[in-house]
């Protein structure tokens, strides 16, 4: 199930993450363990983690993707080692929410991109090599697969829109 895509104004939002460079086919395989790594880091530092996310910095469907696997922050965290604190920038975002299995997100993203293209909406991004570098293209996972059935998973996609 999908919500109707909309354009919203968002405030900046802090998060903590680790950077990974992986091919598209590997994202699902490493996602849960990488998110667990970040959640453990935040909790061990006395922080309060929010929802997990993947920030797609460089999208190259046939090459190597540059992704940040992280969690939104509900408290301050001091970054160490491979962990860093970032901020999703304030601005206008196109947003859509999907309820259902994660393996449907590829098609959902295609529909979302098509919706934007039909309306002349441009992402805040630039070409880079064979791919595209985004200022802020994020999937946020709003519930836990350990707590709900696959058909009840809720994922929000937020792509920053070019001013």
N, C-alpha and C. Protein backbone atom coordinates (compact mmCIF):
# COMPACT_ATOMS: atom_id res chain seq x y z
N UNK A 1 0.84 -1.16 0.00
CA UNK A 1 0.00 0.00 0.00
C UNK A 1 0.89 1.24 0.00
N UNK A 2 0.50 2.24 -0.77
CA UNK A 2 1.24 3.49 -0.87
C UNK A 2 0.38 4.67 -0.49
N UNK A 3 1.01 5.67 0.11
CA UNK A 3 0.34 6.94 0.28
C UNK A 3 0.51 7.74 -1.00
N UNK A 4 -0.26 8.78 -1.16
CA UNK A 4 -0.08 9.68 -2.29
C UNK A 4 1.18 10.51 -2.05
N UNK A 5 2.08 10.59 -3.02
CA UNK A 5 3.28 11.42 -2.83
C UNK A 5 2.89 12.88 -2.60
N UNK A 6 3.65 13.54 -1.77
CA UNK A 6 3.42 14.96 -1.48
C UNK A 6 4.76 15.68 -1.39
N UNK A 7 4.69 17.00 -1.40
CA UNK A 7 5.86 17.84 -1.17
C UNK A 7 5.67 18.48 0.21
N UNK A 8 6.69 18.37 1.05
CA UNK A 8 6.63 18.91 2.41
C UNK A 8 7.90 19.69 2.71
N UNK A 9 7.80 20.61 3.66
CA UNK A 9 8.97 21.31 4.18
C UNK A 9 9.42 20.58 5.44
N UNK A 10 10.71 20.31 5.52
CA UNK A 10 11.26 19.60 6.67
C UNK A 10 12.34 20.43 7.35
N UNK A 11 12.41 20.32 8.67
CA UNK A 11 13.51 20.89 9.43
C UNK A 11 14.71 19.95 9.30
N UNK A 12 15.89 20.44 9.63
CA UNK A 12 17.06 19.57 9.64
C UNK A 12 16.88 18.52 10.74
N UNK A 13 17.46 17.36 10.51
CA UNK A 13 17.27 16.24 11.42
C UNK A 13 18.61 15.54 11.65
N UNK A 14 19.07 15.40 12.91
CA UNK A 14 20.34 14.73 13.17
C UNK A 14 20.21 13.21 13.10
N UNK A 15 21.31 12.60 12.72
CA UNK A 15 21.38 11.13 12.68
C UNK A 15 22.82 10.71 12.91
N UNK A 16 23.02 9.45 13.22
CA UNK A 16 24.36 8.87 13.31
C UNK A 16 24.40 7.70 12.34
N UNK A 17 25.56 7.50 11.70
CA UNK A 17 25.62 6.48 10.65
C UNK A 17 27.04 5.98 10.45
N UNK A 18 27.13 4.95 9.60
CA UNK A 18 28.39 4.47 9.05
C UNK A 18 28.24 4.50 7.53
N UNK A 19 29.33 4.73 6.85
CA UNK A 19 29.35 4.80 5.39
C UNK A 19 29.74 3.44 4.83
N UNK A 20 29.01 2.99 3.82
CA UNK A 20 29.33 1.74 3.14
C UNK A 20 29.24 1.97 1.63
N UNK A 21 30.13 1.33 0.90
CA UNK A 21 30.10 1.34 -0.56
C UNK A 21 29.85 -0.10 -1.01
N UNK A 22 28.68 -0.32 -1.60
CA UNK A 22 28.26 -1.67 -1.95
C UNK A 22 27.50 -1.66 -3.28
N UNK A 23 27.51 -2.79 -3.99
CA UNK A 23 26.63 -2.88 -5.16
C UNK A 23 25.17 -3.00 -4.72
N UNK A 24 24.27 -2.62 -5.60
CA UNK A 24 22.83 -2.65 -5.31
C UNK A 24 22.39 -4.00 -4.74
N UNK A 25 22.90 -5.08 -5.30
CA UNK A 25 22.48 -6.42 -4.90
C UNK A 25 22.85 -6.76 -3.45
N UNK A 26 23.77 -6.03 -2.84
CA UNK A 26 24.23 -6.33 -1.49
C UNK A 26 23.49 -5.55 -0.39
N UNK A 27 22.70 -4.56 -0.76
CA UNK A 27 22.08 -3.69 0.24
C UNK A 27 21.23 -4.50 1.22
N UNK A 28 20.35 -5.32 0.72
CA UNK A 28 19.48 -6.11 1.60
C UNK A 28 20.25 -7.03 2.51
N UNK A 29 21.34 -7.59 2.01
CA UNK A 29 22.12 -8.54 2.78
C UNK A 29 22.81 -7.88 3.97
N UNK A 30 23.29 -6.65 3.81
CA UNK A 30 24.04 -6.02 4.89
C UNK A 30 23.21 -5.06 5.74
N UNK A 31 22.01 -4.75 5.31
CA UNK A 31 21.22 -3.71 5.97
C UNK A 31 20.96 -4.01 7.45
N UNK A 32 20.39 -5.14 7.77
CA UNK A 32 20.02 -5.43 9.16
C UNK A 32 21.24 -5.44 10.09
N UNK A 33 22.31 -6.12 9.69
CA UNK A 33 23.48 -6.19 10.56
C UNK A 33 24.15 -4.83 10.72
N UNK A 34 24.14 -4.02 9.67
CA UNK A 34 24.76 -2.69 9.75
C UNK A 34 23.92 -1.77 10.62
N UNK A 35 22.60 -1.84 10.47
CA UNK A 35 21.73 -1.04 11.36
C UNK A 35 21.90 -1.48 12.81
N UNK A 36 22.00 -2.78 13.06
CA UNK A 36 22.21 -3.27 14.43
C UNK A 36 23.51 -2.71 15.00
N UNK A 37 24.56 -2.63 14.19
CA UNK A 37 25.85 -2.08 14.60
C UNK A 37 25.68 -0.63 15.07
N UNK A 38 24.95 0.16 14.28
CA UNK A 38 24.73 1.57 14.62
C UNK A 38 23.84 1.70 15.86
N UNK A 39 22.77 0.92 15.93
CA UNK A 39 21.90 0.96 17.11
C UNK A 39 22.68 0.63 18.38
N UNK A 40 23.52 -0.40 18.33
CA UNK A 40 24.33 -0.78 19.49
C UNK A 40 25.28 0.36 19.88
N UNK A 41 25.90 1.00 18.88
CA UNK A 41 26.81 2.11 19.15
C UNK A 41 26.09 3.24 19.89
N UNK A 42 24.91 3.61 19.41
CA UNK A 42 24.16 4.70 20.03
C UNK A 42 23.78 4.32 21.46
N UNK A 43 23.26 3.13 21.66
CA UNK A 43 22.84 2.69 23.00
C UNK A 43 24.02 2.60 23.96
N UNK A 44 25.16 2.05 23.49
CA UNK A 44 26.33 1.93 24.35
C UNK A 44 26.87 3.29 24.76
N UNK A 45 26.65 4.30 23.93
CA UNK A 45 27.07 5.66 24.26
C UNK A 45 26.05 6.40 25.10
N UNK A 46 24.99 5.72 25.51
CA UNK A 46 23.97 6.34 26.34
C UNK A 46 22.95 7.15 25.56
N UNK A 47 22.97 7.01 24.24
CA UNK A 47 22.03 7.76 23.41
C UNK A 47 20.71 7.04 23.24
N UNK A 48 19.77 7.77 22.70
CA UNK A 48 18.44 7.23 22.43
C UNK A 48 18.22 7.24 20.91
N UNK A 49 18.31 6.05 20.28
CA UNK A 49 18.16 6.01 18.83
C UNK A 49 16.70 6.15 18.41
N UNK A 50 16.52 6.75 17.24
CA UNK A 50 15.21 6.81 16.61
C UNK A 50 15.13 5.76 15.52
N UNK A 51 14.38 6.04 14.49
CA UNK A 51 14.15 5.09 13.41
C UNK A 51 15.42 4.87 12.58
N UNK A 52 15.65 3.63 12.13
CA UNK A 52 16.75 3.35 11.21
C UNK A 52 16.49 3.98 9.85
N UNK A 53 17.59 4.27 9.13
CA UNK A 53 17.47 4.85 7.80
C UNK A 53 18.63 4.41 6.92
N UNK A 54 18.41 4.54 5.64
CA UNK A 54 19.51 4.46 4.67
C UNK A 54 19.48 5.76 3.88
N UNK A 55 20.61 6.45 3.85
CA UNK A 55 20.76 7.67 3.06
C UNK A 55 21.56 7.30 1.82
N UNK A 56 20.95 7.48 0.67
CA UNK A 56 21.57 7.13 -0.61
C UNK A 56 22.34 8.34 -1.12
N UNK A 57 23.66 8.36 -0.91
CA UNK A 57 24.47 9.49 -1.37
C UNK A 57 24.74 9.40 -2.87
N UNK A 58 25.23 8.25 -3.30
CA UNK A 58 25.54 8.04 -4.72
C UNK A 58 24.78 6.80 -5.19
N UNK A 59 23.92 7.02 -6.18
CA UNK A 59 23.14 5.92 -6.74
C UNK A 59 23.70 5.60 -8.12
N UNK A 60 24.22 4.40 -8.25
CA UNK A 60 24.72 3.88 -9.52
C UNK A 60 24.24 2.43 -9.57
N UNK A 61 23.09 2.23 -10.21
CA UNK A 61 22.42 0.93 -10.17
C UNK A 61 23.29 -0.21 -10.68
N UNK A 62 24.20 0.07 -11.59
CA UNK A 62 25.05 -0.99 -12.15
C UNK A 62 26.45 -1.00 -11.55
N UNK A 63 26.73 -0.06 -10.66
CA UNK A 63 28.06 0.05 -10.08
C UNK A 63 28.00 -0.04 -8.57
N UNK A 64 28.84 0.77 -7.95
CA UNK A 64 28.92 0.79 -6.50
C UNK A 64 28.11 1.96 -5.96
N UNK A 65 27.24 1.65 -5.01
CA UNK A 65 26.41 2.66 -4.35
C UNK A 65 27.17 3.16 -3.11
N UNK A 66 27.02 4.45 -2.80
CA UNK A 66 27.57 5.00 -1.57
C UNK A 66 26.39 5.30 -0.66
N UNK A 67 26.34 4.58 0.45
CA UNK A 67 25.18 4.63 1.35
C UNK A 67 25.61 4.90 2.78
N UNK A 68 24.75 5.60 3.50
CA UNK A 68 24.93 5.76 4.93
C UNK A 68 23.83 4.95 5.62
N UNK A 69 24.23 3.99 6.42
CA UNK A 69 23.30 3.21 7.23
C UNK A 69 23.30 3.84 8.60
N UNK A 70 22.15 4.32 9.05
CA UNK A 70 22.13 5.04 10.30
C UNK A 70 20.81 4.97 11.02
N UNK A 71 20.72 5.79 12.06
CA UNK A 71 19.49 5.95 12.83
C UNK A 71 19.31 7.42 13.13
N UNK A 72 18.05 7.85 13.15
CA UNK A 72 17.74 9.20 13.60
C UNK A 72 18.08 9.30 15.07
N UNK A 73 18.43 10.50 15.52
CA UNK A 73 18.83 10.68 16.92
C UNK A 73 17.75 11.41 17.71
N UNK A 74 17.47 10.87 18.90
CA UNK A 74 16.57 11.51 19.84
C UNK A 74 17.34 12.12 21.00
N UNK A 75 18.68 12.01 20.95
CA UNK A 75 19.55 12.58 21.98
C UNK A 75 20.92 12.78 21.36
N UNK A 76 21.79 13.51 22.07
CA UNK A 76 23.14 13.76 21.56
C UNK A 76 23.98 12.49 21.64
N UNK A 77 24.85 12.34 20.64
CA UNK A 77 25.78 11.22 20.59
C UNK A 77 27.13 11.77 20.14
N UNK A 78 28.20 11.27 20.73
CA UNK A 78 29.54 11.62 20.30
C UNK A 78 30.03 10.54 19.36
N UNK A 79 30.40 10.93 18.15
CA UNK A 79 30.85 9.97 17.15
C UNK A 79 32.30 9.57 17.40
N UNK A 80 32.60 8.29 17.18
CA UNK A 80 33.96 7.78 17.26
C UNK A 80 34.16 6.72 16.20
N UNK A 81 35.42 6.48 15.85
CA UNK A 81 35.74 5.43 14.89
C UNK A 81 35.04 5.66 13.56
N UNK A 82 34.41 4.61 13.05
CA UNK A 82 33.74 4.69 11.75
C UNK A 82 32.38 5.37 11.82
N UNK A 83 31.90 5.67 13.01
CA UNK A 83 30.59 6.30 13.19
C UNK A 83 30.72 7.82 13.07
N UNK A 84 29.73 8.45 12.47
CA UNK A 84 29.73 9.90 12.36
C UNK A 84 28.31 10.42 12.57
N UNK A 85 28.23 11.64 13.06
CA UNK A 85 26.95 12.31 13.22
C UNK A 85 26.75 13.20 12.00
N UNK A 86 25.59 13.10 11.39
CA UNK A 86 25.24 13.92 10.24
C UNK A 86 23.93 14.63 10.48
N UNK A 87 23.53 15.38 9.47
CA UNK A 87 22.27 16.10 9.57
C UNK A 87 21.58 16.06 8.22
N UNK A 88 20.36 15.54 8.21
CA UNK A 88 19.55 15.63 6.99
C UNK A 88 19.18 17.10 6.86
N UNK A 89 19.48 17.72 5.73
CA UNK A 89 19.29 19.16 5.63
C UNK A 89 17.82 19.56 5.59
N UNK A 90 17.56 20.75 6.10
CA UNK A 90 16.22 21.32 6.00
C UNK A 90 15.92 21.62 4.54
N UNK A 91 14.65 21.67 4.21
CA UNK A 91 14.26 22.04 2.85
C UNK A 91 12.99 21.36 2.42
N UNK A 92 12.72 21.47 1.13
CA UNK A 92 11.53 20.85 0.54
C UNK A 92 11.88 19.43 0.12
N UNK A 93 10.98 18.52 0.48
CA UNK A 93 11.16 17.10 0.16
C UNK A 93 9.90 16.54 -0.49
N UNK A 94 10.11 15.67 -1.45
CA UNK A 94 9.02 14.83 -1.93
C UNK A 94 9.01 13.61 -1.02
N UNK A 95 7.83 13.17 -0.61
CA UNK A 95 7.74 12.07 0.34
C UNK A 95 6.62 11.13 -0.05
N UNK A 96 6.83 9.86 0.24
CA UNK A 96 5.82 8.82 0.04
C UNK A 96 6.06 7.74 1.10
N UNK A 97 4.99 7.10 1.54
CA UNK A 97 5.11 6.03 2.53
C UNK A 97 4.57 4.74 1.96
N UNK A 98 5.35 3.68 2.13
CA UNK A 98 4.99 2.35 1.64
C UNK A 98 4.75 1.43 2.82
N UNK A 99 3.67 0.67 2.77
CA UNK A 99 3.42 -0.39 3.75
C UNK A 99 3.48 -1.71 3.02
N UNK A 100 4.43 -2.56 3.42
CA UNK A 100 4.62 -3.85 2.78
C UNK A 100 6.07 -4.27 2.84
N UNK A 101 6.39 -5.39 2.19
CA UNK A 101 7.75 -5.95 2.26
C UNK A 101 8.80 -5.01 1.68
N UNK A 102 10.00 -5.10 2.24
CA UNK A 102 11.12 -4.29 1.76
C UNK A 102 11.46 -4.59 0.30
N UNK A 103 11.23 -5.83 -0.13
CA UNK A 103 11.61 -6.16 -1.52
C UNK A 103 10.72 -5.46 -2.55
N UNK A 104 9.68 -4.76 -2.12
CA UNK A 104 8.86 -3.96 -3.03
C UNK A 104 9.38 -2.54 -3.20
N UNK A 105 10.38 -2.15 -2.40
CA UNK A 105 10.86 -0.77 -2.41
C UNK A 105 11.49 -0.36 -3.74
N UNK A 106 12.10 -1.28 -4.44
CA UNK A 106 12.69 -0.97 -5.75
C UNK A 106 11.59 -0.46 -6.69
N UNK A 107 10.47 -1.18 -6.75
CA UNK A 107 9.35 -0.76 -7.61
C UNK A 107 8.69 0.52 -7.09
N UNK A 108 8.57 0.64 -5.77
CA UNK A 108 7.99 1.84 -5.18
C UNK A 108 8.83 3.06 -5.56
N UNK A 109 10.14 2.92 -5.47
CA UNK A 109 11.03 4.02 -5.83
C UNK A 109 10.85 4.40 -7.30
N UNK A 110 10.72 3.41 -8.17
CA UNK A 110 10.48 3.67 -9.59
C UNK A 110 9.19 4.45 -9.82
N UNK A 111 8.14 4.08 -9.12
CA UNK A 111 6.87 4.81 -9.23
C UNK A 111 7.01 6.24 -8.71
N UNK A 112 7.72 6.39 -7.61
CA UNK A 112 7.94 7.70 -7.00
C UNK A 112 8.73 8.61 -7.95
N UNK A 113 9.78 8.09 -8.53
CA UNK A 113 10.59 8.85 -9.49
C UNK A 113 9.75 9.24 -10.70
N UNK A 114 8.92 8.31 -11.19
CA UNK A 114 8.03 8.59 -12.31
C UNK A 114 7.02 9.68 -11.98
N UNK A 115 6.46 9.63 -10.77
CA UNK A 115 5.52 10.65 -10.31
C UNK A 115 6.18 12.03 -10.37
N UNK A 116 7.41 12.12 -9.85
CA UNK A 116 8.12 13.39 -9.83
C UNK A 116 8.42 13.88 -11.25
N UNK A 117 8.86 12.99 -12.10
CA UNK A 117 9.20 13.35 -13.47
C UNK A 117 7.98 13.90 -14.21
N UNK A 118 6.83 13.26 -14.04
CA UNK A 118 5.59 13.71 -14.69
C UNK A 118 5.20 15.12 -14.26
N UNK A 119 5.61 15.52 -13.07
CA UNK A 119 5.23 16.83 -12.53
C UNK A 119 6.35 17.86 -12.66
N UNK A 120 7.45 17.48 -13.30
CA UNK A 120 8.57 18.41 -13.46
C UNK A 120 9.33 18.69 -12.19
N UNK A 121 9.26 17.77 -11.24
CA UNK A 121 9.97 17.92 -9.97
C UNK A 121 11.39 17.38 -10.14
N UNK A 122 12.37 18.19 -9.80
CA UNK A 122 13.78 17.78 -9.92
C UNK A 122 14.36 17.53 -8.54
N UNK A 123 15.12 16.46 -8.42
CA UNK A 123 15.79 16.15 -7.15
C UNK A 123 16.98 17.08 -6.96
N UNK A 124 17.36 17.30 -5.72
CA UNK A 124 18.56 18.06 -5.41
C UNK A 124 19.73 17.09 -5.55
N UNK A 125 20.21 16.97 -6.79
CA UNK A 125 21.25 15.99 -7.10
C UNK A 125 22.05 16.46 -8.31
N UNK A 126 23.18 15.80 -8.53
CA UNK A 126 24.05 16.08 -9.67
C UNK A 126 24.56 14.76 -10.23
N UNK A 127 24.78 14.70 -11.55
CA UNK A 127 25.38 13.50 -12.12
C UNK A 127 26.80 13.31 -11.58
N UNK A 128 27.17 12.07 -11.37
CA UNK A 128 28.54 11.74 -10.97
C UNK A 128 28.90 10.40 -11.58
N UNK A 129 29.85 10.40 -12.48
CA UNK A 129 30.21 9.18 -13.18
C UNK A 129 28.99 8.60 -13.87
N UNK A 130 28.76 7.32 -13.66
CA UNK A 130 27.59 6.66 -14.24
C UNK A 130 26.37 6.77 -13.34
N UNK A 131 26.51 7.50 -12.23
CA UNK A 131 25.42 7.57 -11.27
C UNK A 131 24.95 8.98 -11.00
N UNK A 132 24.31 9.14 -9.85
CA UNK A 132 23.76 10.42 -9.44
C UNK A 132 24.02 10.62 -7.96
N UNK A 133 24.60 11.79 -7.59
CA UNK A 133 24.87 12.11 -6.19
C UNK A 133 23.75 12.99 -5.66
N UNK A 134 23.14 12.55 -4.55
CA UNK A 134 22.00 13.22 -3.95
C UNK A 134 22.41 14.00 -2.70
N UNK A 135 21.78 15.16 -2.51
CA UNK A 135 21.98 15.91 -1.27
C UNK A 135 21.31 15.17 -0.12
N UNK A 136 20.10 14.68 -0.35
CA UNK A 136 19.39 13.93 0.69
C UNK A 136 18.30 13.07 0.05
N UNK A 137 18.59 11.78 -0.06
CA UNK A 137 17.64 10.78 -0.55
C UNK A 137 17.63 9.67 0.50
N UNK A 138 16.51 9.55 1.23
CA UNK A 138 16.50 8.74 2.44
C UNK A 138 15.31 7.78 2.45
N UNK A 139 15.59 6.55 2.90
CA UNK A 139 14.54 5.59 3.28
C UNK A 139 14.59 5.48 4.80
N UNK A 140 13.45 5.72 5.45
CA UNK A 140 13.37 5.60 6.90
C UNK A 140 12.41 4.46 7.22
N UNK A 141 12.85 3.56 8.11
CA UNK A 141 12.10 2.35 8.45
C UNK A 141 11.35 2.62 9.76
N UNK A 142 10.03 2.78 9.66
CA UNK A 142 9.24 3.30 10.77
C UNK A 142 8.75 2.25 11.76
N UNK A 143 8.95 0.98 11.45
CA UNK A 143 8.67 -0.06 12.44
C UNK A 143 9.68 -1.19 12.27
N UNK A 144 9.65 -2.14 13.17
CA UNK A 144 10.69 -3.16 13.27
C UNK A 144 10.18 -4.49 12.71
N UNK A 145 10.94 -5.09 11.78
CA UNK A 145 10.51 -6.39 11.24
C UNK A 145 10.42 -7.49 12.30
N UNK A 146 11.04 -7.28 13.46
CA UNK A 146 10.91 -8.26 14.54
C UNK A 146 9.57 -8.13 15.25
N UNK A 147 8.88 -7.00 15.05
CA UNK A 147 7.64 -6.74 15.77
C UNK A 147 6.38 -6.87 14.93
N UNK A 148 6.51 -6.80 13.60
CA UNK A 148 5.33 -6.82 12.73
C UNK A 148 5.54 -7.78 11.57
N UNK A 149 4.44 -8.20 10.98
CA UNK A 149 4.50 -9.07 9.79
C UNK A 149 5.08 -8.28 8.62
N UNK A 150 5.66 -8.99 7.67
CA UNK A 150 6.28 -8.37 6.50
C UNK A 150 5.32 -7.42 5.77
N UNK A 151 4.04 -7.79 5.70
CA UNK A 151 3.05 -6.96 5.01
C UNK A 151 2.73 -5.66 5.76
N UNK A 152 3.19 -5.56 7.02
CA UNK A 152 2.91 -4.38 7.84
C UNK A 152 4.11 -3.46 8.00
N UNK A 153 5.24 -3.78 7.36
CA UNK A 153 6.42 -2.92 7.45
C UNK A 153 6.12 -1.57 6.81
N UNK A 154 6.54 -0.49 7.47
CA UNK A 154 6.27 0.86 6.98
C UNK A 154 7.61 1.55 6.70
N UNK A 155 7.77 2.01 5.46
CA UNK A 155 8.98 2.69 5.02
C UNK A 155 8.59 4.02 4.39
N UNK A 156 9.27 5.07 4.82
CA UNK A 156 9.04 6.41 4.25
C UNK A 156 10.22 6.78 3.37
N UNK A 157 9.94 7.23 2.16
CA UNK A 157 10.95 7.73 1.25
C UNK A 157 10.87 9.25 1.21
N UNK A 158 12.01 9.90 1.41
CA UNK A 158 12.09 11.36 1.37
C UNK A 158 13.26 11.75 0.47
N UNK A 159 12.95 12.44 -0.64
CA UNK A 159 13.97 12.90 -1.58
C UNK A 159 13.94 14.42 -1.57
N UNK A 160 15.08 15.05 -1.28
CA UNK A 160 15.13 16.51 -1.28
C UNK A 160 14.94 17.02 -2.70
N UNK A 161 14.11 18.05 -2.81
CA UNK A 161 13.75 18.65 -4.09
C UNK A 161 14.66 19.85 -4.34
N UNK A 162 15.09 20.00 -5.58
CA UNK A 162 15.93 21.15 -5.96
C UNK A 162 15.13 22.44 -5.77
N UNK A 163 15.79 23.45 -5.18
CA UNK A 163 15.12 24.75 -4.99
C UNK A 163 14.92 25.46 -6.31
